[in-house]
């Protein structure tokens, strides 16, 4: 029995590590695919795969459910916030900045969750979180202002960096608002609802562009990027993440999230040959330290922790 439990835990640990790799690699995959597929088409197509895999698992696990009338409007609003607004900011932002920058700055989601929770008296800041916020903000300033081009509000990377920060703030708010729904729906049920709203809205938004796509001119790698980002990064990864929360706990599982900005930075540099300046490397290091500090000894709600990264 001890051997069986050890093997099960080892398998979960390995799976969570794979999820961190999947999410980190997703930044480079998306960036590469956007060179051939416009952001609206890419988002619309990848969410079809994401919704499909989540619904398949939901049906397999027999977690069918009904939605009370009072929940319809709030859930639709949540779906628009988490998919239309967040996903729009994410996909446009990464199109205008480095995948490495996007990975690091989107990793600041725990920072924004801590700040929003503090200002709304949901969870007070401690010394670790305060130091983490200060380090992360200093790092963000270094990343934005430390590019090769002269600092300018019209710089493409500056615009992309700001948009990605906006996406992180939106997801931070979405994470906190999700908490009340996750007391009434299982994580898979809530994820299925959100993915369905996202698939419908984003596909309809991208449909005019999808119709205009010259499918013969798109490489197999770009098609693979759509499948990877939808099927693996949103669908499969989130299901594994939630299983990890149930098996080894929220605090232990959340430590793997700290690997995402580190590996995302690495993949952007190695796979896309992105060239960062010394100041931007310094800023990335500060942000990563800030993220770790903000999570230090954090007693996370398992359901909230599961929502924090789902939308990448």
C-alpha atoms as a PDB file:
ATOM      1  CA  UNK A   1       0.000   0.000   0.000  1.00  0.00           C
ATOM      2  CA  UNK A   2       2.839   2.387   0.877  1.00  0.00           C
ATOM      3  CA  UNK A   3       4.535   1.587  -2.428  1.00  0.00           C
ATOM      4  CA  UNK A   4       1.262   2.158  -4.304  1.00  0.00           C
ATOM      5  CA  UNK A   5       0.675   5.524  -2.625  1.00  0.00           C
ATOM      6  CA  UNK A   6       4.271   6.553  -3.300  1.00  0.00           C
ATOM      7  CA  UNK A   7       3.909   5.646  -6.972  1.00  0.00           C
ATOM      8  CA  UNK A   8       0.655   7.569  -7.234  1.00  0.00           C
ATOM      9  CA  UNK A   9       2.182  10.654  -5.632  1.00  0.00           C
ATOM     10  CA  UNK A  10       5.256  10.412  -7.879  1.00  0.00           C
ATOM     11  CA  UNK A  11       3.009  10.216 -10.930  1.00  0.00           C
ATOM     12  CA  UNK A  12       1.094  13.315  -9.799  1.00  0.00           C
ATOM     13  CA  UNK A  13       4.353  15.191  -9.147  1.00  0.00           C
ATOM     14  CA  UNK A  14       5.626  14.285 -12.620  1.00  0.00           C
ATOM     15  CA  UNK A  15       2.288  15.295 -14.197  1.00  0.00           C
ATOM     16  CA  UNK A  16       2.356  18.684 -12.461  1.00  0.00           C
ATOM     17  CA  UNK A  17       5.883  19.270 -13.687  1.00  0.00           C
ATOM     18  CA  UNK A  18       4.685  18.491 -17.218  1.00  0.00           C
ATOM     19  CA  UNK A  19       1.852  21.006 -16.778  1.00  0.00           C
ATOM     20  CA  UNK A  20       4.375  23.703 -15.827  1.00  0.00           C
ATOM     21  CA  UNK A  21       6.330  22.875 -19.002  1.00  0.00           C
ATOM     22  CA  UNK A  22       3.134  22.932 -21.109  1.00  0.00           C
ATOM     23  CA  UNK A  23       2.130  26.358 -19.796  1.00  0.00           C
ATOM     24  CA  UNK A  24       5.640  27.782 -20.103  1.00  0.00           C
ATOM     25  CA  UNK A  25       6.066  26.482 -23.647  1.00  0.00           C
ATOM     26  CA  UNK A  26       2.646  27.837 -24.603  1.00  0.00           C
ATOM     27  CA  UNK A  27       3.983  31.412 -24.745  1.00  0.00           C
ATOM     28  CA  UNK A  28       6.508  30.505 -27.441  1.00  0.00           C
ATOM     29  CA  UNK A  29       4.006  28.286 -29.262  1.00  0.00           C
ATOM     30  CA  UNK A  30       1.416  31.065 -29.397  1.00  0.00           C
ATOM     31  CA  UNK A  31       4.003  33.649 -30.440  1.00  0.00           C
ATOM     32  CA  UNK A  32       5.212  31.403 -33.262  1.00  0.00           C
ATOM     33  CA  UNK A  33       1.703  30.594 -34.503  1.00  0.00           C
ATOM     34  CA  UNK A  34       0.644  34.249 -34.518  1.00  0.00           C
ATOM     35  CA  UNK A  35       3.204  34.875 -37.255  1.00  0.00           C
ATOM     36  CA  UNK A  36       0.879  32.922 -39.588  1.00  0.00           C
ATOM     37  CA  UNK A  37      -2.561  33.080 -37.961  1.00  0.00           C
ATOM     38  CA  UNK A  38      -4.173  36.321 -36.809  1.00  0.00           C
ATOM     39  CA  UNK A  39      -4.988  36.624 -33.074  1.00  0.00           C
ATOM     40  CA  UNK A  40      -8.793  36.494 -33.455  1.00  0.00           C
ATOM     41  CA  UNK A  41      -8.725  33.346 -35.595  1.00  0.00           C
ATOM     42  CA  UNK A  42      -6.165  31.689 -33.315  1.00  0.00           C
ATOM     43  CA  UNK A  43      -8.201  32.345 -30.173  1.00  0.00           C
ATOM     44  CA  UNK A  44     -11.455  31.208 -31.759  1.00  0.00           C
ATOM     45  CA  UNK A  45      -9.975  27.969 -33.068  1.00  0.00           C
ATOM     46  CA  UNK A  46      -8.017  26.966 -29.972  1.00  0.00           C
ATOM     47  CA  UNK A  47     -11.018  27.347 -27.678  1.00  0.00           C
ATOM     48  CA  UNK A  48     -12.982  24.831 -29.747  1.00  0.00           C
ATOM     49  CA  UNK A  49     -10.352  22.221 -28.816  1.00  0.00           C
ATOM     50  CA  UNK A  50     -10.259  23.387 -25.188  1.00  0.00           C
ATOM     51  CA  UNK A  51     -14.034  23.172 -24.710  1.00  0.00           C
ATOM     52  CA  UNK A  52     -14.200  19.791 -26.468  1.00  0.00           C
ATOM     53  CA  UNK A  53     -11.633  18.054 -24.239  1.00  0.00           C
ATOM     54  CA  UNK A  54     -13.110  19.482 -21.025  1.00  0.00           C
ATOM     55  CA  UNK A  55     -16.630  18.358 -21.975  1.00  0.00           C
ATOM     56  CA  UNK A  56     -15.348  14.889 -22.897  1.00  0.00           C
ATOM     57  CA  UNK A  57     -13.804  14.505 -19.445  1.00  0.00           C
ATOM     58  CA  UNK A  58     -16.893  15.960 -17.743  1.00  0.00           C
ATOM     59  CA  UNK A  59     -19.168  13.466 -19.512  1.00  0.00           C
ATOM     60  CA  UNK A  60     -16.751  10.590 -18.801  1.00  0.00           C
ATOM     61  CA  UNK A  61     -16.787  11.437 -15.099  1.00  0.00           C
ATOM     62  CA  UNK A  62     -20.588  11.848 -15.181  1.00  0.00           C
ATOM     63  CA  UNK A  63     -20.575  15.323 -13.712  1.00  0.00           C
ATOM     64  CA  UNK A  64     -23.584  16.577 -15.646  1.00  0.00           C
ATOM     65  CA  UNK A  65     -25.283  19.535 -14.005  1.00  0.00           C
ATOM     66  CA  UNK A  66     -28.022  22.125 -14.339  1.00  0.00           C
ATOM     67  CA  UNK A  67     -27.599  25.891 -14.016  1.00  0.00           C
ATOM     68  CA  UNK A  68     -30.181  27.777 -11.888  1.00  0.00           C
ATOM     69  CA  UNK A  69     -31.749  30.790 -13.583  1.00  0.00           C
ATOM     70  CA  UNK A  70     -30.161  33.162 -11.071  1.00  0.00           C
ATOM     71  CA  UNK A  71     -26.685  31.995 -12.157  1.00  0.00           C
ATOM     72  CA  UNK A  72     -27.087  32.482 -15.899  1.00  0.00           C
ATOM     73  CA  UNK A  73     -26.279  36.194 -16.084  1.00  0.00           C
ATOM     74  CA  UNK A  74     -23.407  36.108 -13.533  1.00  0.00           C
ATOM     75  CA  UNK A  75     -21.849  33.112 -15.310  1.00  0.00           C
ATOM     76  CA  UNK A  76     -22.116  34.789 -18.704  1.00  0.00           C
ATOM     77  CA  UNK A  77     -20.467  37.914 -17.268  1.00  0.00           C
ATOM     78  CA  UNK A  78     -17.714  35.750 -15.781  1.00  0.00           C
ATOM     79  CA  UNK A  79     -17.249  33.992 -19.105  1.00  0.00           C
ATOM     80  CA  UNK A  80     -16.912  37.321 -20.906  1.00  0.00           C
ATOM     81  CA  UNK A  81     -14.426  38.584 -18.312  1.00  0.00           C
ATOM     82  CA  UNK A  82     -12.298  35.451 -18.313  1.00  0.00           C
ATOM     83  CA  UNK A  83     -12.449  34.767 -22.033  1.00  0.00           C
ATOM     84  CA  UNK A  84     -13.428  37.771 -24.135  1.00  0.00           C
ATOM     85  CA  UNK A  85     -11.500  40.353 -22.085  1.00  0.00           C
ATOM     86  CA  UNK A  86      -8.656  38.297 -20.617  1.00  0.00           C
ATOM     87  CA  UNK A  87      -8.036  36.132 -23.678  1.00  0.00           C
ATOM     88  CA  UNK A  88      -8.285  39.174 -25.943  1.00  0.00           C
ATOM     89  CA  UNK A  89      -5.664  41.013 -23.905  1.00  0.00           C
ATOM     90  CA  UNK A  90      -3.447  37.925 -23.667  1.00  0.00           C
ATOM     91  CA  UNK A  91      -3.428  37.076 -27.361  1.00  0.00           C
ATOM     92  CA  UNK A  92      -3.000  40.677 -28.542  1.00  0.00           C
ATOM     93  CA  UNK A  93      -0.385  41.439 -25.902  1.00  0.00           C
ATOM     94  CA  UNK A  94       1.802  38.459 -26.751  1.00  0.00           C
ATOM     95  CA  UNK A  95       1.569  39.427 -30.427  1.00  0.00           C
ATOM     96  CA  UNK A  96       3.211  42.775 -29.596  1.00  0.00           C
ATOM     97  CA  UNK A  97       5.908  41.715 -27.146  1.00  0.00           C
ATOM     98  CA  UNK A  98       8.414  38.953 -26.529  1.00  0.00           C
ATOM     99  CA  UNK A  99       7.140  35.562 -25.403  1.00  0.00           C
ATOM    100  CA  UNK A 100       9.762  35.756 -22.631  1.00  0.00           C
ATOM    101  CA  UNK A 101       8.366  39.072 -21.373  1.00  0.00           C
ATOM    102  CA  UNK A 102       4.803  37.784 -21.533  1.00  0.00           C
ATOM    103  CA  UNK A 103       5.660  34.641 -19.556  1.00  0.00           C
ATOM    104  CA  UNK A 104       7.258  36.617 -16.747  1.00  0.00           C
ATOM    105  CA  UNK A 105       4.629  39.347 -16.517  1.00  0.00           C
ATOM    106  CA  UNK A 106       1.661  37.019 -16.754  1.00  0.00           C
ATOM    107  CA  UNK A 107       3.283  35.157 -13.897  1.00  0.00           C
ATOM    108  CA  UNK A 108       2.480  38.201 -11.721  1.00  0.00           C
ATOM    109  CA  UNK A 109      -1.139  37.023 -11.388  1.00  0.00           C
ATOM    110  CA  UNK A 110      -0.563  36.011  -7.710  1.00  0.00           C
ATOM    111  CA  UNK A 111       0.715  39.560  -7.092  1.00  0.00           C
ATOM    112  CA  UNK A 112      -2.519  41.085  -8.395  1.00  0.00           C
ATOM    113  CA  UNK A 113      -4.628  38.546  -6.493  1.00  0.00           C
ATOM    114  CA  UNK A 114      -2.827  39.573  -3.285  1.00  0.00           C
ATOM    115  CA  UNK A 115      -3.287  43.301  -3.986  1.00  0.00           C
ATOM    116  CA  UNK A 116      -6.971  43.046  -4.940  1.00  0.00           C
ATOM    117  CA  UNK A 117      -7.664  40.810  -1.935  1.00  0.00           C
ATOM    118  CA  UNK A 118      -5.960  43.331   0.346  1.00  0.00           C
ATOM    119  CA  UNK A 119      -7.824  46.364  -0.985  1.00  0.00           C
ATOM    120  CA  UNK A 120     -11.188  44.593  -0.703  1.00  0.00           C
ATOM    121  CA  UNK A 121     -10.355  43.271   2.792  1.00  0.00           C
ATOM    122  CA  UNK A 122     -10.488  39.643   1.657  1.00  0.00           C
ATOM    123  CA  UNK A 123      -6.951  38.758   2.758  1.00  0.00           C
ATOM    124  CA  UNK A 124      -4.448  41.116   4.354  1.00  0.00           C
ATOM    125  CA  UNK A 125      -0.907  41.518   3.064  1.00  0.00           C
ATOM    126  CA  UNK A 126       1.955  40.173   5.171  1.00  0.00           C
ATOM    127  CA  UNK A 127       5.638  41.091   5.042  1.00  0.00           C
ATOM    128  CA  UNK A 128       6.421  38.451   2.406  1.00  0.00           C
ATOM    129  CA  UNK A 129       3.613  39.556   0.114  1.00  0.00           C
ATOM    130  CA  UNK A 130       4.563  43.208   0.522  1.00  0.00           C
ATOM    131  CA  UNK A 131       8.184  42.508  -0.387  1.00  0.00           C
ATOM    132  CA  UNK A 132       6.993  40.347  -3.274  1.00  0.00           C
ATOM    133  CA  UNK A 133       4.790  43.121  -4.654  1.00  0.00           C
ATOM    134  CA  UNK A 134       7.621  45.672  -4.425  1.00  0.00           C
ATOM    135  CA  UNK A 135      10.093  43.331  -6.122  1.00  0.00           C
ATOM    136  CA  UNK A 136       7.615  42.464  -8.880  1.00  0.00           C
ATOM    137  CA  UNK A 137       6.795  46.108  -9.603  1.00  0.00           C
ATOM    138  CA  UNK A 138      10.496  47.005  -9.754  1.00  0.00           C
ATOM    139  CA  UNK A 139      11.026  44.098 -12.139  1.00  0.00           C
ATOM    140  CA  UNK A 140       8.135  45.152 -14.383  1.00  0.00           C
ATOM    141  CA  UNK A 141       9.591  48.661 -14.672  1.00  0.00           C
ATOM    142  CA  UNK A 142      12.983  47.206 -15.632  1.00  0.00           C
ATOM    143  CA  UNK A 143      11.414  44.905 -18.262  1.00  0.00           C
ATOM    144  CA  UNK A 144       9.332  47.651 -19.881  1.00  0.00           C
ATOM    145  CA  UNK A 145      12.012  50.326 -19.879  1.00  0.00           C
ATOM    146  CA  UNK A 146      15.042  48.143 -20.513  1.00  0.00           C
ATOM    147  CA  UNK A 147      14.563  47.264 -24.189  1.00  0.00           C
ATOM    148  CA  UNK A 148      17.084  47.815 -26.977  1.00  0.00           C
ATOM    149  CA  UNK A 149      14.967  50.568 -28.492  1.00  0.00           C
ATOM    150  CA  UNK A 150      14.699  53.953 -26.771  1.00  0.00           C
ATOM    151  CA  UNK A 151      11.920  54.064 -24.173  1.00  0.00           C
ATOM    152  CA  UNK A 152       8.770  55.157 -26.003  1.00  0.00           C
ATOM    153  CA  UNK A 153       5.029  54.837 -25.504  1.00  0.00           C
ATOM    154  CA  UNK A 154       4.751  54.003 -29.210  1.00  0.00           C
ATOM    155  CA  UNK A 155       7.185  51.081 -28.973  1.00  0.00           C
ATOM    156  CA  UNK A 156       5.581  47.763 -29.947  1.00  0.00           C
ATOM    157  CA  UNK A 157       7.079  45.915 -26.992  1.00  0.00           C
ATOM    158  CA  UNK A 158       5.968  48.652 -24.586  1.00  0.00           C
ATOM    159  CA  UNK A 159       2.376  48.334 -25.819  1.00  0.00           C
ATOM    160  CA  UNK A 160       2.498  44.542 -25.624  1.00  0.00           C
ATOM    161  CA  UNK A 161       3.978  44.603 -22.123  1.00  0.00           C
ATOM    162  CA  UNK A 162       1.266  46.961 -20.855  1.00  0.00           C
ATOM    163  CA  UNK A 163      -1.476  44.825 -22.429  1.00  0.00           C
ATOM    164  CA  UNK A 164      -0.067  41.662 -20.818  1.00  0.00           C
ATOM    165  CA  UNK A 165      -0.001  43.390 -17.428  1.00  0.00           C
ATOM    166  CA  UNK A 166      -3.646  44.344 -18.014  1.00  0.00           C
ATOM    167  CA  UNK A 167      -4.403  40.685 -18.768  1.00  0.00           C
ATOM    168  CA  UNK A 168      -2.745  39.610 -15.496  1.00  0.00           C
ATOM    169  CA  UNK A 169      -4.822  42.146 -13.534  1.00  0.00           C
ATOM    170  CA  UNK A 170      -8.035  40.972 -15.211  1.00  0.00           C
ATOM    171  CA  UNK A 171      -7.257  37.327 -14.427  1.00  0.00           C
ATOM    172  CA  UNK A 172      -6.457  38.265 -10.844  1.00  0.00           C
ATOM    173  CA  UNK A 173      -9.939  39.766 -10.481  1.00  0.00           C
ATOM    174  CA  UNK A 174     -11.473  36.796 -12.284  1.00  0.00           C
ATOM    175  CA  UNK A 175      -9.728  34.408  -9.857  1.00  0.00           C
ATOM    176  CA  UNK A 176     -11.225  36.148  -6.838  1.00  0.00           C
ATOM    177  CA  UNK A 177     -14.711  36.363  -8.364  1.00  0.00           C
ATOM    178  CA  UNK A 178     -14.581  32.647  -9.240  1.00  0.00           C
ATOM    179  CA  UNK A 179     -14.417  31.692  -5.575  1.00  0.00           C
ATOM    180  CA  UNK A 180     -18.173  31.988  -4.967  1.00  0.00           C
ATOM    181  CA  UNK A 181     -19.048  29.882  -8.032  1.00  0.00           C
ATOM    182  CA  UNK A 182     -16.630  27.133  -7.023  1.00  0.00           C
ATOM    183  CA  UNK A 183     -18.696  26.505  -3.902  1.00  0.00           C
ATOM    184  CA  UNK A 184     -21.632  25.503  -6.122  1.00  0.00           C
ATOM    185  CA  UNK A 185     -19.897  23.884  -9.101  1.00  0.00           C
ATOM    186  CA  UNK A 186     -16.994  21.453  -9.261  1.00  0.00           C
ATOM    187  CA  UNK A 187     -13.825  22.783 -10.924  1.00  0.00           C
ATOM    188  CA  UNK A 188     -14.518  20.704 -14.044  1.00  0.00           C
ATOM    189  CA  UNK A 189     -18.132  21.912 -14.250  1.00  0.00           C
ATOM    190  CA  UNK A 190     -17.138  25.550 -13.827  1.00  0.00           C
ATOM    191  CA  UNK A 191     -14.329  25.119 -16.347  1.00  0.00           C
ATOM    192  CA  UNK A 192     -16.746  23.546 -18.848  1.00  0.00           C
ATOM    193  CA  UNK A 193     -19.113  26.504 -18.516  1.00  0.00           C
ATOM    194  CA  UNK A 194     -16.317  29.052 -18.952  1.00  0.00           C
ATOM    195  CA  UNK A 195     -14.730  27.166 -21.866  1.00  0.00           C
ATOM    196  CA  UNK A 196     -18.107  26.872 -23.617  1.00  0.00           C
ATOM    197  CA  UNK A 197     -18.800  30.597 -23.309  1.00  0.00           C
ATOM    198  CA  UNK A 198     -15.261  31.285 -24.505  1.00  0.00           C
ATOM    199  CA  UNK A 199     -15.571  28.927 -27.472  1.00  0.00           C
ATOM    200  CA  UNK A 200     -18.860  30.480 -28.622  1.00  0.00           C
ATOM    201  CA  UNK A 201     -17.881  34.127 -28.166  1.00  0.00           C
ATOM    202  CA  UNK A 202     -14.297  33.871 -29.421  1.00  0.00           C
ATOM    203  CA  UNK A 203     -15.193  31.688 -32.411  1.00  0.00           C
ATOM    204  CA  UNK A 204     -17.941  34.086 -33.503  1.00  0.00           C
ATOM    205  CA  UNK A 205     -15.562  37.026 -33.092  1.00  0.00           C
ATOM    206  CA  UNK A 206     -12.890  35.290 -35.125  1.00  0.00           C
ATOM    207  CA  UNK A 207     -15.245  33.871 -37.774  1.00  0.00           C
ATOM    208  CA  UNK A 208     -14.833  36.756 -40.291  1.00  0.00           C
ATOM    209  CA  UNK A 209     -11.055  36.337 -40.119  1.00  0.00           C
ATOM    210  CA  UNK A 210     -11.279  32.519 -40.120  1.00  0.00           C
ATOM    211  CA  UNK A 211     -13.275  32.633 -43.374  1.00  0.00           C
ATOM    212  CA  UNK A 212     -10.574  34.799 -44.954  1.00  0.00           C
ATOM    213  CA  UNK A 213      -7.682  32.520 -43.913  1.00  0.00           C
ATOM    214  CA  UNK A 214      -5.719  30.887 -46.702  1.00  0.00           C
ATOM    215  CA  UNK A 215      -5.523  27.474 -45.079  1.00  0.00           C
ATOM    216  CA  UNK A 216      -3.023  26.165 -47.632  1.00  0.00           C
ATOM    217  CA  UNK A 217      -0.479  28.830 -46.667  1.00  0.00           C
ATOM    218  CA  UNK A 218      -0.471  27.929 -42.965  1.00  0.00           C
ATOM    219  CA  UNK A 219       2.303  25.577 -41.889  1.00  0.00           C
ATOM    220  CA  UNK A 220       1.774  22.328 -40.006  1.00  0.00           C
ATOM    221  CA  UNK A 221       3.653  23.871 -37.062  1.00  0.00           C
ATOM    222  CA  UNK A 222       1.160  26.758 -36.845  1.00  0.00           C
ATOM    223  CA  UNK A 223      -1.775  24.319 -36.991  1.00  0.00           C
ATOM    224  CA  UNK A 224      -0.043  22.331 -34.284  1.00  0.00           C
ATOM    225  CA  UNK A 225       0.189  25.513 -32.217  1.00  0.00           C
ATOM    226  CA  UNK A 226      -3.587  25.906 -32.278  1.00  0.00           C
ATOM    227  CA  UNK A 227      -4.103  22.315 -31.148  1.00  0.00           C
ATOM    228  CA  UNK A 228      -1.341  22.501 -28.536  1.00  0.00           C
ATOM    229  CA  UNK A 229      -2.598  25.743 -27.013  1.00  0.00           C
ATOM    230  CA  UNK A 230      -6.247  24.674 -26.926  1.00  0.00           C
ATOM    231  CA  UNK A 231      -6.069  20.950 -26.245  1.00  0.00           C
ATOM    232  CA  UNK A 232      -3.055  20.865 -23.941  1.00  0.00           C
ATOM    233  CA  UNK A 233      -2.474  24.314 -22.434  1.00  0.00           C
ATOM    234  CA  UNK A 234      -6.124  25.092 -21.644  1.00  0.00           C
ATOM    235  CA  UNK A 235      -7.839  21.690 -21.646  1.00  0.00           C
ATOM    236  CA  UNK A 236      -5.621  18.828 -20.490  1.00  0.00           C
ATOM    237  CA  UNK A 237      -3.299  20.941 -18.309  1.00  0.00           C
ATOM    238  CA  UNK A 238      -6.147  22.403 -16.284  1.00  0.00           C
ATOM    239  CA  UNK A 239      -7.639  18.958 -15.654  1.00  0.00           C
ATOM    240  CA  UNK A 240      -4.281  17.633 -14.424  1.00  0.00           C
ATOM    241  CA  UNK A 241      -3.813  20.745 -12.285  1.00  0.00           C
ATOM    242  CA  UNK A 242      -7.108  20.184 -10.493  1.00  0.00           C
ATOM    243  CA  UNK A 243      -6.303  16.521  -9.931  1.00  0.00           C
ATOM    244  CA  UNK A 244      -3.027  17.609  -8.365  1.00  0.00           C
ATOM    245  CA  UNK A 245      -4.898  19.969  -6.046  1.00  0.00           C
ATOM    246  CA  UNK A 246      -7.054  17.090  -4.824  1.00  0.00           C
ATOM    247  CA  UNK A 247      -4.129  14.657  -4.458  1.00  0.00           C
ATOM    248  CA  UNK A 248      -1.168  16.589  -3.012  1.00  0.00           C
ATOM    249  CA  UNK A 249      -2.869  19.795  -1.873  1.00  0.00           C
ATOM    250  CA  UNK A 250      -3.018  23.425  -2.992  1.00  0.00           C
ATOM    251  CA  UNK A 251       0.163  24.753  -1.407  1.00  0.00           C
ATOM    252  CA  UNK A 252       2.343  21.974  -2.801  1.00  0.00           C
ATOM    253  CA  UNK A 253       0.719  22.154  -6.235  1.00  0.00           C
ATOM    254  CA  UNK A 254       1.065  25.945  -6.399  1.00  0.00           C
ATOM    255  CA  UNK A 255       4.852  25.659  -6.147  1.00  0.00           C
ATOM    256  CA  UNK A 256       4.885  24.302  -9.686  1.00  0.00           C
ATOM    257  CA  UNK A 257       3.266  27.539 -10.873  1.00  0.00           C
ATOM    258  CA  UNK A 258       6.467  29.352  -9.897  1.00  0.00           C
ATOM    259  CA  UNK A 259       8.299  27.363 -12.586  1.00  0.00           C
ATOM    260  CA  UNK A 260       6.137  28.773 -15.398  1.00  0.00           C
ATOM    261  CA  UNK A 261       7.660  32.276 -15.721  1.00  0.00           C
ATOM    262  CA  UNK A 262      11.180  30.861 -15.324  1.00  0.00           C
ATOM    263  CA  UNK A 263      10.762  28.224 -18.040  1.00  0.00           C
ATOM    264  CA  UNK A 264       8.659  30.585 -20.187  1.00  0.00           C
ATOM    265  CA  UNK A 265      11.550  33.046 -20.171  1.00  0.00           C
ATOM    266  CA  UNK A 266      13.965  30.236 -21.061  1.00  0.00           C
ATOM    267  CA  UNK A 267      11.831  28.912 -23.941  1.00  0.00           C
ATOM    268  CA  UNK A 268      11.334  32.385 -25.415  1.00  0.00           C
ATOM    269  CA  UNK A 269      15.085  32.951 -25.522  1.00  0.00           C
ATOM    270  CA  UNK A 270      16.094  29.477 -26.727  1.00  0.00           C
ATOM    271  CA  UNK A 271      13.278  28.598 -29.153  1.00  0.00           C
ATOM    272  CA  UNK A 272      12.481  32.051 -30.579  1.00  0.00           C
ATOM    273  CA  UNK A 273      15.981  33.497 -30.204  1.00  0.00           C
ATOM    274  CA  UNK A 274      14.583  36.511 -28.353  1.00  0.00           C
ATOM    275  CA  UNK A 275      17.307  38.930 -27.283  1.00  0.00           C
ATOM    276  CA  UNK A 276      16.755  40.616 -23.926  1.00  0.00           C
ATOM    277  CA  UNK A 277      18.937  43.313 -22.417  1.00  0.00           C
ATOM    278  CA  UNK A 278      20.747  42.993 -19.097  1.00  0.00           C
ATOM    279  CA  UNK A 279      18.148  45.293 -17.499  1.00  0.00           C
ATOM    280  CA  UNK A 280      15.316  43.058 -18.748  1.00  0.00           C
ATOM    281  CA  UNK A 281      17.032  39.933 -17.384  1.00  0.00           C
ATOM    282  CA  UNK A 282      17.403  41.729 -14.062  1.00  0.00           C
ATOM    283  CA  UNK A 283      13.733  42.737 -14.148  1.00  0.00           C
ATOM    284  CA  UNK A 284      12.669  39.165 -14.927  1.00  0.00           C
ATOM    285  CA  UNK A 285      14.669  37.886 -11.965  1.00  0.00           C
ATOM    286  CA  UNK A 286      13.051  40.475  -9.675  1.00  0.00           C
ATOM    287  CA  UNK A 287       9.564  39.532 -10.875  1.00  0.00           C
ATOM    288  CA  UNK A 288      10.206  35.824 -10.297  1.00  0.00           C
ATOM    289  CA  UNK A 289      11.553  36.526  -6.797  1.00  0.00           C
ATOM    290  CA  UNK A 290       8.472  38.678  -6.161  1.00  0.00           C
ATOM    291  CA  UNK A 291       6.141  35.877  -7.231  1.00  0.00           C
ATOM    292  CA  UNK A 292       7.853  33.400  -4.904  1.00  0.00           C
ATOM    293  CA  UNK A 293       7.732  35.846  -1.979  1.00  0.00           C
ATOM    294  CA  UNK A 294       4.048  36.598  -2.600  1.00  0.00           C
ATOM    295  CA  UNK A 295       3.315  32.863  -2.342  1.00  0.00           C
ATOM    296  CA  UNK A 296       5.535  32.274   0.679  1.00  0.00           C
ATOM    297  CA  UNK A 297       3.672  30.229   3.296  1.00  0.00           C
ATOM    298  CA  UNK A 298       0.456  31.018   1.482  1.00  0.00           C
ATOM    299  CA  UNK A 299      -2.530  28.987   2.605  1.00  0.00           C
ATOM    300  CA  UNK A 300      -4.328  28.903  -0.714  1.00  0.00           C
ATOM    301  CA  UNK A 301      -7.938  27.925  -1.265  1.00  0.00           C
ATOM    302  CA  UNK A 302      -7.653  24.817  -3.484  1.00  0.00           C
ATOM    303  CA  UNK A 303     -10.452  25.987  -5.758  1.00  0.00           C
ATOM    304  CA  UNK A 304      -9.022  29.460  -6.196  1.00  0.00           C
ATOM    305  CA  UNK A 305      -5.524  28.120  -6.781  1.00  0.00           C
ATOM    306  CA  UNK A 306      -6.892  25.933  -9.554  1.00  0.00           C
ATOM    307  CA  UNK A 307      -8.365  28.949 -11.322  1.00  0.00           C
ATOM    308  CA  UNK A 308      -5.285  31.147 -11.263  1.00  0.00           C
ATOM    309  CA  UNK A 309      -3.585  29.971 -14.435  1.00  0.00           C
ATOM    310  CA  UNK A 310      -6.306  28.155 -16.287  1.00  0.00           C
ATOM    311  CA  UNK A 311      -6.727  30.786 -18.966  1.00  0.00           C
ATOM    312  CA  UNK A 312      -3.263  30.730 -20.477  1.00  0.00           C
END
